[in-house]
Structure formats: C-alpha cells, structure tokens
Amino acid sequence: MRQYLEQDKNTLEKVICNYCGRELKLKNGIVQEGVFRGETHWGYFSSRDGEYHSFDLCEKCYEHLLEMFKIPVTVEEETELL
C-alpha cells in the first residue's frame, strides 16, 4: 500500500506490505529495499469488471507467494538496472 504526501501526490510518504503489514524503508521518497508492485485493471468477463486493484509486497512475502505457485515464474537476468 502506498501513501503519498498530501501536498505532493508524486512523493511517497510510506510503503506498507499489504500481506504482512510491515512498513518498508524509505529515504527521500525512494524505497530502499526490494518491493513487488502488483496492479491490474479488471475488464470484461471478470467478476470485478471496472475495478482497479494495486498492492505492494515486501521481498519476504513475495518469496512466500512464489512458493505456492504450481508453475514457477519466469526469471531472466537484467544487466542494466534502473
């Protein structure tokens, strides 16, 4: 879950893991640890048509989620990090 400064909606004030509730480390509006950002716009043929969902997971909770997958995620190495 992301919270932004009231006077500046582009600057992060807090990032909280939606699964465990832990507040992630933030410095000058930049997350200082691994975080997974999930977001989707639900469309036709779903029971959530027209809804937008977003969430954040700390790295530990993301790893926990991956353990439950029957088919592993695709992992590729990146040589250039942004």
PDB file of N, CA and C in Angstrom:
ATOM      1  N   MET A   1       0.848  -1.152   0.000  1.00  0.00           N
ATOM      2  CA  MET A   1       0.000   0.000   0.000  1.00  0.00           C
ATOM      3  C   MET A   1       0.906   1.230   0.000  1.00  0.00           C
ATOM      4  N   ARG A   2       0.594   2.155  -0.876  1.00  0.00           N
ATOM      5  CA  ARG A   2       1.399   3.365  -0.976  1.00  0.00           C
ATOM      6  C   ARG A   2       0.626   4.564  -0.462  1.00  0.00           C
ATOM      7  N   GLN A   3       1.321   5.365   0.329  1.00  0.00           N
ATOM      8  CA  GLN A   3       0.758   6.621   0.805  1.00  0.00           C
ATOM      9  C   GLN A   3       1.663   7.741   0.314  1.00  0.00           C
ATOM     10  N   TYR A   4       1.039   8.785  -0.217  1.00  0.00           N
ATOM     11  CA  TYR A   4       1.781   9.909  -0.761  1.00  0.00           C
ATOM     12  C   TYR A   4       1.602  11.132   0.110  1.00  0.00           C
ATOM     13  N   LEU A   5       2.552  12.058   0.027  1.00  0.00           N
ATOM     14  CA  LEU A   5       2.435  13.307   0.765  1.00  0.00           C
ATOM     15  C   LEU A   5       1.182  14.036   0.318  1.00  0.00           C
ATOM     16  N   GLU A   6       0.464  14.598   1.258  1.00  0.00           N
ATOM     17  CA  GLU A   6      -0.796  15.271   0.936  1.00  0.00           C
ATOM     18  C   GLU A   6      -0.585  16.434  -0.029  1.00  0.00           C
ATOM     19  N   GLN A   7       0.493  17.190   0.168  1.00  0.00           N
ATOM     20  CA  GLN A   7       0.730  18.349  -0.681  1.00  0.00           C
ATOM     21  C   GLN A   7       1.428  17.981  -1.996  1.00  0.00           C
ATOM     22  N   ASP A   8       1.965  16.767  -2.111  1.00  0.00           N
ATOM     23  CA  ASP A   8       2.661  16.345  -3.333  1.00  0.00           C
ATOM     24  C   ASP A   8       2.309  14.892  -3.605  1.00  0.00           C
ATOM     25  N   LYS A   9       1.333  14.668  -4.448  1.00  0.00           N
ATOM     26  CA  LYS A   9       0.829  13.315  -4.718  1.00  0.00           C
ATOM     27  C   LYS A   9       1.818  12.441  -5.486  1.00  0.00           C
ATOM     28  N   ASN A  10       2.996  12.978  -5.843  1.00  0.00           N
ATOM     29  CA  ASN A  10       4.012  12.192  -6.546  1.00  0.00           C
ATOM     30  C   ASN A  10       5.129  11.712  -5.618  1.00  0.00           C
ATOM     31  N   THR A  11       5.162  12.222  -4.382  1.00  0.00           N
ATOM     32  CA  THR A  11       6.224  11.852  -3.447  1.00  0.00           C
ATOM     33  C   THR A  11       5.702  10.851  -2.428  1.00  0.00           C
ATOM     34  N   LEU A  12       6.352   9.687  -2.395  1.00  0.00           N
ATOM     35  CA  LEU A  12       5.957   8.645  -1.451  1.00  0.00           C
ATOM     36  C   LEU A  12       6.244   9.063  -0.020  1.00  0.00           C
ATOM     37  N   GLU A  13       5.285   8.808   0.848  1.00  0.00           N
ATOM     38  CA  GLU A  13       5.467   9.038   2.271  1.00  0.00           C
ATOM     39  C   GLU A  13       5.681   7.707   2.989  1.00  0.00           C
ATOM     40  N   LYS A  14       4.940   6.656   2.554  1.00  0.00           N
ATOM     41  CA  LYS A  14       5.041   5.319   3.156  1.00  0.00           C
ATOM     42  C   LYS A  14       4.744   4.264   2.101  1.00  0.00           C
ATOM     43  N   VAL A  15       5.403   3.119   2.252  1.00  0.00           N
ATOM     44  CA  VAL A  15       5.041   1.914   1.502  1.00  0.00           C
ATOM     45  C   VAL A  15       4.909   0.806   2.528  1.00  0.00           C
ATOM     46  N   ILE A  16       3.744   0.173   2.561  1.00  0.00           N
ATOM     47  CA  ILE A  16       3.457  -0.870   3.544  1.00  0.00           C
ATOM     48  C   ILE A  16       3.118  -2.147   2.804  1.00  0.00           C
ATOM     49  N   CYS A  17       3.717  -3.261   3.218  1.00  0.00           N
ATOM     50  CA  CYS A  17       3.426  -4.558   2.612  1.00  0.00           C
ATOM     51  C   CYS A  17       1.962  -4.912   2.894  1.00  0.00           C
ATOM     52  N   ASN A  18       1.207  -5.157   1.845  1.00  0.00           N
ATOM     53  CA  ASN A  18      -0.208  -5.489   2.009  1.00  0.00           C
ATOM     54  C   ASN A  18      -0.410  -6.842   2.675  1.00  0.00           C
ATOM     55  N   TYR A  19       0.591  -7.724   2.648  1.00  0.00           N
ATOM     56  CA  TYR A  19       0.428  -9.054   3.234  1.00  0.00           C
ATOM     57  C   TYR A  19       0.760  -9.059   4.732  1.00  0.00           C
ATOM     58  N   CYS A  20       1.954  -8.610   5.088  1.00  0.00           N
ATOM     59  CA  CYS A  20       2.371  -8.700   6.495  1.00  0.00           C
ATOM     60  C   CYS A  20       2.182  -7.398   7.265  1.00  0.00           C
ATOM     61  N   GLY A  21       1.984  -6.282   6.557  1.00  0.00           N
ATOM     62  CA  GLY A  21       1.760  -5.005   7.212  1.00  0.00           C
ATOM     63  C   GLY A  21       3.008  -4.254   7.615  1.00  0.00           C
ATOM     64  N   ARG A  22       4.182  -4.774   7.232  1.00  0.00           N
ATOM     65  CA  ARG A  22       5.442  -4.121   7.606  1.00  0.00           C
ATOM     66  C   ARG A  22       5.675  -2.881   6.744  1.00  0.00           C
ATOM     67  N   GLU A  23       6.118  -1.805   7.371  1.00  0.00           N
ATOM     68  CA  GLU A  23       6.466  -0.594   6.639  1.00  0.00           C
ATOM     69  C   GLU A  23       7.870  -0.760   6.055  1.00  0.00           C
ATOM     70  N   LEU A  24       8.002  -0.525   4.765  1.00  0.00           N
ATOM     71  CA  LEU A  24       9.282  -0.681   4.086  1.00  0.00           C
ATOM     72  C   LEU A  24      10.131   0.572   4.268  1.00  0.00           C
ATOM     73  N   LYS A  25      11.460   0.392   4.173  1.00  0.00           N
ATOM     74  CA  LYS A  25      12.388   1.509   4.351  1.00  0.00           C
ATOM     75  C   LYS A  25      12.268   2.461   3.172  1.00  0.00           C
ATOM     76  N   LEU A  26      12.193   3.750   3.501  1.00  0.00           N
ATOM     77  CA  LEU A  26      12.022   4.797   2.511  1.00  0.00           C
ATOM     78  C   LEU A  26      12.994   5.928   2.836  1.00  0.00           C
ATOM     79  N   LYS A  27      13.637   6.479   1.822  1.00  0.00           N
ATOM     80  CA  LYS A  27      14.517   7.624   2.026  1.00  0.00           C
ATOM     81  C   LYS A  27      14.263   8.608   0.894  1.00  0.00           C
ATOM     82  N   ASN A  28      13.866   9.808   1.252  1.00  0.00           N
ATOM     83  CA  ASN A  28      13.562  10.855   0.270  1.00  0.00           C
ATOM     84  C   ASN A  28      12.573  10.376  -0.792  1.00  0.00           C
ATOM     85  N   GLY A  29      11.571   9.606  -0.376  1.00  0.00           N
ATOM     86  CA  GLY A  29      10.532   9.144  -1.286  1.00  0.00           C
ATOM     87  C   GLY A  29      10.929   7.981  -2.169  1.00  0.00           C
ATOM     88  N   ILE A  30      12.092   7.362  -1.872  1.00  0.00           N
ATOM     89  CA  ILE A  30      12.581   6.226  -2.670  1.00  0.00           C
ATOM     90  C   ILE A  30      12.659   4.992  -1.777  1.00  0.00           C
ATOM     91  N   VAL A  31      12.049   3.889  -2.214  1.00  0.00           N
ATOM     92  CA  VAL A  31      12.066   2.640  -1.450  1.00  0.00           C
ATOM     93  C   VAL A  31      13.495   2.107  -1.418  1.00  0.00           C
ATOM     94  N   GLN A  32      13.982   1.759  -0.233  1.00  0.00           N
ATOM     95  CA  GLN A  32      15.359   1.335  -0.039  1.00  0.00           C
ATOM     96  C   GLN A  32      15.514  -0.171   0.143  1.00  0.00           C
ATOM     97  N   GLU A  33      14.523  -0.944  -0.312  1.00  0.00           N
ATOM     98  CA  GLU A  33      14.602  -2.399  -0.246  1.00  0.00           C
ATOM     99  C   GLU A  33      13.717  -2.992  -1.339  1.00  0.00           C
ATOM    100  N   GLY A  34      13.810  -4.297  -1.523  1.00  0.00           N
ATOM    101  CA  GLY A  34      13.028  -4.957  -2.558  1.00  0.00           C
ATOM    102  C   GLY A  34      11.537  -4.880  -2.295  1.00  0.00           C
ATOM    103  N   VAL A  35      10.773  -4.531  -3.326  1.00  0.00           N
ATOM    104  CA  VAL A  35       9.315  -4.453  -3.213  1.00  0.00           C
ATOM    105  C   VAL A  35       8.712  -4.900  -4.542  1.00  0.00           C
ATOM    106  N   PHE A  36       7.641  -5.687  -4.447  1.00  0.00           N
ATOM    107  CA  PHE A  36       6.900  -6.105  -5.630  1.00  0.00           C
ATOM    108  C   PHE A  36       5.629  -5.273  -5.688  1.00  0.00           C
ATOM    109  N   ARG A  37       5.414  -4.619  -6.821  1.00  0.00           N
ATOM    110  CA  ARG A  37       4.214  -3.803  -7.035  1.00  0.00           C
ATOM    111  C   ARG A  37       3.300  -4.549  -7.986  1.00  0.00           C
ATOM    112  N   GLY A  38       2.113  -4.894  -7.527  1.00  0.00           N
ATOM    113  CA  GLY A  38       1.125  -5.554  -8.367  1.00  0.00           C
ATOM    114  C   GLY A  38      -0.033  -4.616  -8.632  1.00  0.00           C
ATOM    115  N   GLU A  39      -0.453  -4.547  -9.881  1.00  0.00           N
ATOM    116  CA  GLU A  39      -1.616  -3.725 -10.208  1.00  0.00           C
ATOM    117  C   GLU A  39      -2.292  -4.253 -11.462  1.00  0.00           C
ATOM    118  N   THR A  40      -3.625  -4.132 -11.489  1.00  0.00           N
ATOM    119  CA  THR A  40      -4.382  -4.578 -12.653  1.00  0.00           C
ATOM    120  C   THR A  40      -5.689  -3.812 -12.759  1.00  0.00           C
ATOM    121  N   HIS A  41      -6.109  -3.648 -13.979  1.00  0.00           N
ATOM    122  CA  HIS A  41      -7.430  -3.095 -14.282  1.00  0.00           C
ATOM    123  C   HIS A  41      -8.277  -4.276 -14.724  1.00  0.00           C
ATOM    124  N   TRP A  42      -9.295  -4.625 -13.957  1.00  0.00           N
ATOM    125  CA  TRP A  42     -10.160  -5.748 -14.299  1.00  0.00           C
ATOM    126  C   TRP A  42     -11.100  -5.341 -15.426  1.00  0.00           C
ATOM    127  N   GLY A  43     -11.267  -6.225 -16.377  1.00  0.00           N
ATOM    128  CA  GLY A  43     -12.097  -5.909 -17.529  1.00  0.00           C
ATOM    129  C   GLY A  43     -13.258  -6.871 -17.693  1.00  0.00           C
ATOM    130  N   TYR A  44     -13.764  -6.872 -18.907  1.00  0.00           N
ATOM    131  CA  TYR A  44     -14.888  -7.748 -19.242  1.00  0.00           C
ATOM    132  C   TYR A  44     -14.574  -9.202 -18.895  1.00  0.00           C
ATOM    133  N   PHE A  45     -15.595  -9.965 -18.664  1.00  0.00           N
ATOM    134  CA  PHE A  45     -15.526 -11.402 -18.395  1.00  0.00           C
ATOM    135  C   PHE A  45     -14.946 -11.719 -17.015  1.00  0.00           C
ATOM    136  N   SER A  46     -14.834 -10.734 -16.153  1.00  0.00           N
ATOM    137  CA  SER A  46     -14.416 -10.998 -14.772  1.00  0.00           C
ATOM    138  C   SER A  46     -15.526 -10.539 -13.842  1.00  0.00           C
ATOM    139  N   SER A  47     -15.497 -11.041 -12.628  1.00  0.00           N
ATOM    140  CA  SER A  47     -16.495 -10.609 -11.647  1.00  0.00           C
ATOM    141  C   SER A  47     -16.127  -9.248 -11.054  1.00  0.00           C
ATOM    142  N   ARG A  48     -14.988  -8.699 -11.451  1.00  0.00           N
ATOM    143  CA  ARG A  48     -14.514  -7.412 -10.933  1.00  0.00           C
ATOM    144  C   ARG A  48     -14.452  -6.347 -12.028  1.00  0.00           C
ATOM    145  N   ASP A  49     -15.258  -6.511 -13.043  1.00  0.00           N
ATOM    146  CA  ASP A  49     -15.279  -5.606 -14.189  1.00  0.00           C
ATOM    147  C   ASP A  49     -15.313  -4.138 -13.752  1.00  0.00           C
ATOM    148  N   GLY A  50     -14.371  -3.359 -14.250  1.00  0.00           N
ATOM    149  CA  GLY A  50     -14.327  -1.931 -13.945  1.00  0.00           C
ATOM    150  C   GLY A  50     -13.551  -1.566 -12.702  1.00  0.00           C
ATOM    151  N   GLU A  51     -13.007  -2.538 -11.990  1.00  0.00           N
ATOM    152  CA  GLU A  51     -12.240  -2.246 -10.777  1.00  0.00           C
ATOM    153  C   GLU A  51     -10.749  -2.176 -11.087  1.00  0.00           C
ATOM    154  N   TYR A  52     -10.039  -1.335 -10.332  1.00  0.00           N
ATOM    155  CA  TYR A  52      -8.573  -1.245 -10.389  1.00  0.00           C
ATOM    156  C   TYR A  52      -8.041  -1.717  -9.041  1.00  0.00           C
ATOM    157  N   HIS A  53      -7.127  -2.672  -9.038  1.00  0.00           N
ATOM    158  CA  HIS A  53      -6.523  -3.183  -7.805  1.00  0.00           C
ATOM    159  C   HIS A  53      -5.015  -2.932  -7.844  1.00  0.00           C
ATOM    160  N   SER A  54      -4.440  -2.573  -6.696  1.00  0.00           N
ATOM    161  CA  SER A  54      -2.986  -2.422  -6.587  1.00  0.00           C
ATOM    162  C   SER A  54      -2.554  -2.860  -5.194  1.00  0.00           C
ATOM    163  N   PHE A  55      -1.328  -3.368  -5.110  1.00  0.00           N
ATOM    164  CA  PHE A  55      -0.779  -3.794  -3.825  1.00  0.00           C
ATOM    165  C   PHE A  55       0.734  -3.828  -3.895  1.00  0.00           C
ATOM    166  N   ASP A  56       1.362  -3.836  -2.721  1.00  0.00           N
ATOM    167  CA  ASP A  56       2.810  -3.937  -2.596  1.00  0.00           C
ATOM    168  C   ASP A  56       3.146  -5.083  -1.665  1.00  0.00           C
ATOM    169  N   LEU A  57       4.182  -5.830  -2.004  1.00  0.00           N
ATOM    170  CA  LEU A  57       4.661  -6.921  -1.157  1.00  0.00           C
ATOM    171  C   LEU A  57       6.145  -6.723  -0.868  1.00  0.00           C
ATOM    172  N   CYS A  58       6.537  -6.916   0.388  1.00  0.00           N
ATOM    173  CA  CYS A  58       7.959  -6.922   0.710  1.00  0.00           C
ATOM    174  C   CYS A  58       8.570  -8.182   0.079  1.00  0.00           C
ATOM    175  N   GLU A  59       9.867  -8.232   0.010  1.00  0.00           N
ATOM    176  CA  GLU A  59      10.531  -9.351  -0.658  1.00  0.00           C
ATOM    177  C   GLU A  59      10.229 -10.689   0.015  1.00  0.00           C
ATOM    178  N   LYS A  60      10.166 -10.702   1.343  1.00  0.00           N
ATOM    179  CA  LYS A  60       9.884 -11.942   2.075  1.00  0.00           C
ATOM    180  C   LYS A  60       8.490 -12.483   1.723  1.00  0.00           C
ATOM    181  N   CYS A  61       7.498 -11.604   1.684  1.00  0.00           N
ATOM    182  CA  CYS A  61       6.132 -12.034   1.359  1.00  0.00           C
ATOM    183  C   CYS A  61       6.019 -12.432  -0.112  1.00  0.00           C
ATOM    184  N   TYR A  62       6.761 -11.756  -0.977  1.00  0.00           N
ATOM    185  CA  TYR A  62       6.780 -12.138  -2.391  1.00  0.00           C
ATOM    186  C   TYR A  62       7.332 -13.555  -2.544  1.00  0.00           C
ATOM    187  N   GLU A  63       8.416 -13.862  -1.841  1.00  0.00           N
ATOM    188  CA  GLU A  63       9.001 -15.209  -1.891  1.00  0.00           C
ATOM    189  C   GLU A  63       7.996 -16.240  -1.375  1.00  0.00           C
ATOM    190  N   HIS A  64       7.270 -15.906  -0.319  1.00  0.00           N
ATOM    191  CA  HIS A  64       6.246 -16.794   0.240  1.00  0.00           C
ATOM    192  C   HIS A  64       5.162 -17.075  -0.805  1.00  0.00           C
ATOM    193  N   LEU A  65       4.737 -16.036  -1.508  1.00  0.00           N
ATOM    194  CA  LEU A  65       3.727 -16.190  -2.558  1.00  0.00           C
ATOM    195  C   LEU A  65       4.238 -17.114  -3.669  1.00  0.00           C
ATOM    196  N   LEU A  66       5.476 -16.937  -4.083  1.00  0.00           N
ATOM    197  CA  LEU A  66       6.048 -17.769  -5.150  1.00  0.00           C
ATOM    198  C   LEU A  66       6.071 -19.249  -4.791  1.00  0.00           C
ATOM    199  N   GLU A  67       6.273 -19.550  -3.522  1.00  0.00           N
ATOM    200  CA  GLU A  67       6.311 -20.943  -3.072  1.00  0.00           C
ATOM    201  C   GLU A  67       4.991 -21.659  -3.314  1.00  0.00           C
ATOM    202  N   MET A  68       3.896 -20.912  -3.425  1.00  0.00           N
ATOM    203  CA  MET A  68       2.577 -21.514  -3.620  1.00  0.00           C
ATOM    204  C   MET A  68       2.252 -21.757  -5.098  1.00  0.00           C
ATOM    205  N   PHE A  69       3.060 -21.229  -6.019  1.00  0.00           N
ATOM    206  CA  PHE A  69       2.798 -21.393  -7.450  1.00  0.00           C
ATOM    207  C   PHE A  69       3.054 -22.828  -7.896  1.00  0.00           C
ATOM    208  N   LYS A  70       2.173 -23.384  -8.678  1.00  0.00           N
ATOM    209  CA  LYS A  70       2.400 -24.710  -9.270  1.00  0.00           C
ATOM    210  C   LYS A  70       3.373 -24.615 -10.439  1.00  0.00           C
ATOM    211  N   ILE A  71       3.336 -23.499 -11.166  1.00  0.00           N
ATOM    212  CA  ILE A  71       4.255 -23.247 -12.272  1.00  0.00           C
ATOM    213  C   ILE A  71       5.128 -22.066 -11.855  1.00  0.00           C
ATOM    214  N   PRO A  72       6.450 -22.257 -11.824  1.00  0.00           N
ATOM    215  CA  PRO A  72       7.332 -21.177 -11.362  1.00  0.00           C
ATOM    216  C   PRO A  72       7.282 -19.961 -12.289  1.00  0.00           C
ATOM    217  N   VAL A  73       7.601 -18.802 -11.721  1.00  0.00           N
ATOM    218  CA  VAL A  73       7.674 -17.588 -12.523  1.00  0.00           C
ATOM    219  C   VAL A  73       8.867 -17.680 -13.472  1.00  0.00           C
ATOM    220  N   THR A  74       8.821 -16.936 -14.543  1.00  0.00           N
ATOM    221  CA  THR A  74       9.949 -16.836 -15.465  1.00  0.00           C
ATOM    222  C   THR A  74      10.931 -15.820 -14.914  1.00  0.00           C
ATOM    223  N   VAL A  75      12.186 -16.214 -14.786  1.00  0.00           N
ATOM    224  CA  VAL A  75      13.219 -15.335 -14.248  1.00  0.00           C
ATOM    225  C   VAL A  75      14.272 -15.122 -15.328  1.00  0.00           C
ATOM    226  N   GLU A  76      14.581 -13.877 -15.596  1.00  0.00           N
ATOM    227  CA  GLU A  76      15.624 -13.511 -16.541  1.00  0.00           C
ATOM    228  C   GLU A  76      16.558 -12.521 -15.855  1.00  0.00           C
ATOM    229  N   GLU A  77      17.850 -12.616 -16.149  1.00  0.00           N
ATOM    230  CA  GLU A  77      18.821 -11.684 -15.585  1.00  0.00           C
ATOM    231  C   GLU A  77      18.765 -10.367 -16.336  1.00  0.00           C
ATOM    232  N   GLU A  78      18.847  -9.273 -15.599  1.00  0.00           N
ATOM    233  CA  GLU A  78      18.925  -7.945 -16.206  1.00  0.00           C
ATOM    234  C   GLU A  78      20.335  -7.426 -16.023  1.00  0.00           C
ATOM    235  N   THR A  79      20.885  -6.884 -17.078  1.00  0.00           N
ATOM    236  CA  THR A  79      22.246  -6.364 -16.991  1.00  0.00           C
ATOM    237  C   THR A  79      22.267  -4.868 -16.710  1.00  0.00           C
ATOM    238  N   GLU A  80      21.139  -4.199 -16.940  1.00  0.00           N
ATOM    239  CA  GLU A  80      21.037  -2.771 -16.700  1.00  0.00           C
ATOM    240  C   GLU A  80      19.905  -2.505 -15.731  1.00  0.00           C
ATOM    241  N   LEU A  81      20.245  -1.968 -14.577  1.00  0.00           N
ATOM    242  CA  LEU A  81      19.236  -1.694 -13.557  1.00  0.00           C
ATOM    243  C   LEU A  81      18.909  -0.210 -13.551  1.00  0.00           C
ATOM    244  N   LEU A  82      17.637   0.095 -13.451  1.00  0.00           N
ATOM    245  CA  LEU A  82      17.213   1.496 -13.428  1.00  0.00           C
ATOM    246  C   LEU A  82      17.119   2.003 -12.020  1.00  0.00           C
TER     247      LEU A  82
END
